[in-house]
């Protein structure tokens, strides 16, 4: 099994979205797996608190009601850019 090494430097979880700054190894830009791990961990920890009405489509796919399906990433290349992005976003 492949290990996924990334560090969450900052995270904000809001009712309708989530923002996070991660530190990824230089050889890894696998955002999809990182988001899957974060969302599944959060969903397992807070499952009963954040249950909402789940559509038939989501039920068939085994999805929960708390996360949207898509995400948008912005890759930060250096510490200065990361601080500026964090100050503005998180």
C-alpha atoms as a PDB file:
ATOM      1  CA  UNK A   1       0.000   0.000   0.000  1.00  0.00           C
ATOM      2  CA  UNK A   2       1.344   3.431  -0.916  1.00  0.00           C
ATOM      3  CA  UNK A   3       1.913   5.885   1.918  1.00  0.00           C
ATOM      4  CA  UNK A   4       0.741   9.463   1.370  1.00  0.00           C
ATOM      5  CA  UNK A   5       2.950  11.934   3.133  1.00  0.00           C
ATOM      6  CA  UNK A   6       1.683  15.466   3.372  1.00  0.00           C
ATOM      7  CA  UNK A   7       1.417  17.947   6.197  1.00  0.00           C
ATOM      8  CA  UNK A   8      -1.604  20.164   6.751  1.00  0.00           C
ATOM      9  CA  UNK A   9      -0.119  23.561   7.566  1.00  0.00           C
ATOM     10  CA  UNK A  10      -3.476  25.328   8.028  1.00  0.00           C
ATOM     11  CA  UNK A  11      -7.104  24.301   7.641  1.00  0.00           C
ATOM     12  CA  UNK A  12     -10.473  26.028   7.952  1.00  0.00           C
ATOM     13  CA  UNK A  13     -13.691  24.010   7.743  1.00  0.00           C
ATOM     14  CA  UNK A  14     -16.814  26.051   7.016  1.00  0.00           C
ATOM     15  CA  UNK A  15     -20.424  24.916   6.591  1.00  0.00           C
ATOM     16  CA  UNK A  16     -20.224  25.003   2.797  1.00  0.00           C
ATOM     17  CA  UNK A  17     -16.510  24.595   1.989  1.00  0.00           C
ATOM     18  CA  UNK A  18     -13.030  23.868   3.268  1.00  0.00           C
ATOM     19  CA  UNK A  19      -9.711  25.652   2.785  1.00  0.00           C
ATOM     20  CA  UNK A  20      -6.351  24.060   3.503  1.00  0.00           C
ATOM     21  CA  UNK A  21      -2.667  24.708   3.017  1.00  0.00           C
ATOM     22  CA  UNK A  22      -0.670  21.513   2.634  1.00  0.00           C
ATOM     23  CA  UNK A  23       3.004  20.790   2.391  1.00  0.00           C
ATOM     24  CA  UNK A  24       3.527  18.035  -0.178  1.00  0.00           C
ATOM     25  CA  UNK A  25       6.751  16.266  -1.110  1.00  0.00           C
ATOM     26  CA  UNK A  26       8.266  17.780  -4.267  1.00  0.00           C
ATOM     27  CA  UNK A  27       7.627  14.546  -6.152  1.00  0.00           C
ATOM     28  CA  UNK A  28       3.931  14.367  -5.231  1.00  0.00           C
ATOM     29  CA  UNK A  29       1.164  16.559  -6.632  1.00  0.00           C
ATOM     30  CA  UNK A  30      -1.687  14.111  -5.986  1.00  0.00           C
ATOM     31  CA  UNK A  31      -4.322  16.552  -4.742  1.00  0.00           C
ATOM     32  CA  UNK A  32      -7.206  14.137  -5.291  1.00  0.00           C
ATOM     33  CA  UNK A  33      -5.883  11.534  -2.868  1.00  0.00           C
ATOM     34  CA  UNK A  34      -5.084  14.177  -0.261  1.00  0.00           C
ATOM     35  CA  UNK A  35      -8.598  15.602  -0.411  1.00  0.00           C
ATOM     36  CA  UNK A  36     -10.084  12.107  -0.289  1.00  0.00           C
ATOM     37  CA  UNK A  37      -8.101  11.308   2.866  1.00  0.00           C
ATOM     38  CA  UNK A  38      -8.990  14.598   4.588  1.00  0.00           C
ATOM     39  CA  UNK A  39     -12.684  14.414   3.690  1.00  0.00           C
ATOM     40  CA  UNK A  40     -13.065  10.766   4.657  1.00  0.00           C
ATOM     41  CA  UNK A  41     -11.316  11.314   8.011  1.00  0.00           C
ATOM     42  CA  UNK A  42     -13.513  14.331   8.784  1.00  0.00           C
ATOM     43  CA  UNK A  43     -16.657  12.482   7.665  1.00  0.00           C
ATOM     44  CA  UNK A  44     -15.909   9.515   9.932  1.00  0.00           C
ATOM     45  CA  UNK A  45     -15.180  11.754  12.935  1.00  0.00           C
ATOM     46  CA  UNK A  46     -18.216  14.022  12.543  1.00  0.00           C
ATOM     47  CA  UNK A  47     -20.659  11.739  10.745  1.00  0.00           C
ATOM     48  CA  UNK A  48     -23.645  12.080  13.079  1.00  0.00           C
ATOM     49  CA  UNK A  49     -23.284  15.844  13.585  1.00  0.00           C
ATOM     50  CA  UNK A  50     -23.274  16.756   9.910  1.00  0.00           C
ATOM     51  CA  UNK A  51     -25.830  14.472   8.347  1.00  0.00           C
ATOM     52  CA  UNK A  52     -28.179  16.161   5.986  1.00  0.00           C
ATOM     53  CA  UNK A  53     -30.620  15.072   3.339  1.00  0.00           C
ATOM     54  CA  UNK A  54     -28.756  12.836   0.902  1.00  0.00           C
ATOM     55  CA  UNK A  55     -29.927  12.743  -2.713  1.00  0.00           C
ATOM     56  CA  UNK A  56     -30.722   9.450  -4.403  1.00  0.00           C
ATOM     57  CA  UNK A  57     -27.686   9.893  -6.660  1.00  0.00           C
ATOM     58  CA  UNK A  58     -25.365  10.310  -3.666  1.00  0.00           C
ATOM     59  CA  UNK A  59     -26.962   7.340  -1.884  1.00  0.00           C
ATOM     60  CA  UNK A  60     -26.257   5.083  -4.877  1.00  0.00           C
ATOM     61  CA  UNK A  61     -22.628   6.241  -4.926  1.00  0.00           C
ATOM     62  CA  UNK A  62     -22.203   5.840  -1.151  1.00  0.00           C
ATOM     63  CA  UNK A  63     -21.527   9.567  -0.716  1.00  0.00           C
ATOM     64  CA  UNK A  64     -22.296  11.680   2.338  1.00  0.00           C
ATOM     65  CA  UNK A  65     -24.140  14.996   2.308  1.00  0.00           C
ATOM     66  CA  UNK A  66     -21.382  17.205   3.697  1.00  0.00           C
ATOM     67  CA  UNK A  67     -18.943  17.505   0.772  1.00  0.00           C
ATOM     68  CA  UNK A  68     -19.262  18.777  -2.752  1.00  0.00           C
ATOM     69  CA  UNK A  69     -17.857  16.478  -5.411  1.00  0.00           C
ATOM     70  CA  UNK A  70     -15.296  18.807  -6.972  1.00  0.00           C
ATOM     71  CA  UNK A  71     -12.370  20.799  -5.669  1.00  0.00           C
ATOM     72  CA  UNK A  72     -10.117  23.561  -6.944  1.00  0.00           C
ATOM     73  CA  UNK A  73      -6.444  23.621  -6.158  1.00  0.00           C
ATOM     74  CA  UNK A  74      -3.790  26.277  -6.321  1.00  0.00           C
ATOM     75  CA  UNK A  75      -0.208  25.066  -6.127  1.00  0.00           C
ATOM     76  CA  UNK A  76       2.070  27.353  -4.098  1.00  0.00           C
ATOM     77  CA  UNK A  77       5.729  27.268  -5.137  1.00  0.00           C
ATOM     78  CA  UNK A  78       7.500  29.020  -2.251  1.00  0.00           C
ATOM     79  CA  UNK A  79       7.046  30.152   1.358  1.00  0.00           C
ATOM     80  CA  UNK A  80       6.414  33.802   0.530  1.00  0.00           C
ATOM     81  CA  UNK A  81       3.643  32.911  -1.904  1.00  0.00           C
ATOM     82  CA  UNK A  82       2.220  30.449   0.645  1.00  0.00           C
ATOM     83  CA  UNK A  83       2.072  33.064   3.404  1.00  0.00           C
ATOM     84  CA  UNK A  84       0.346  35.544   1.085  1.00  0.00           C
ATOM     85  CA  UNK A  85      -2.174  32.921  -0.020  1.00  0.00           C
ATOM     86  CA  UNK A  86      -2.798  31.817   3.577  1.00  0.00           C
ATOM     87  CA  UNK A  87      -3.279  35.377   4.807  1.00  0.00           C
ATOM     88  CA  UNK A  88      -5.815  36.011   2.058  1.00  0.00           C
ATOM     89  CA  UNK A  89      -7.666  32.673   2.124  1.00  0.00           C
ATOM     90  CA  UNK A  90      -7.451  31.191   5.597  1.00  0.00           C
END
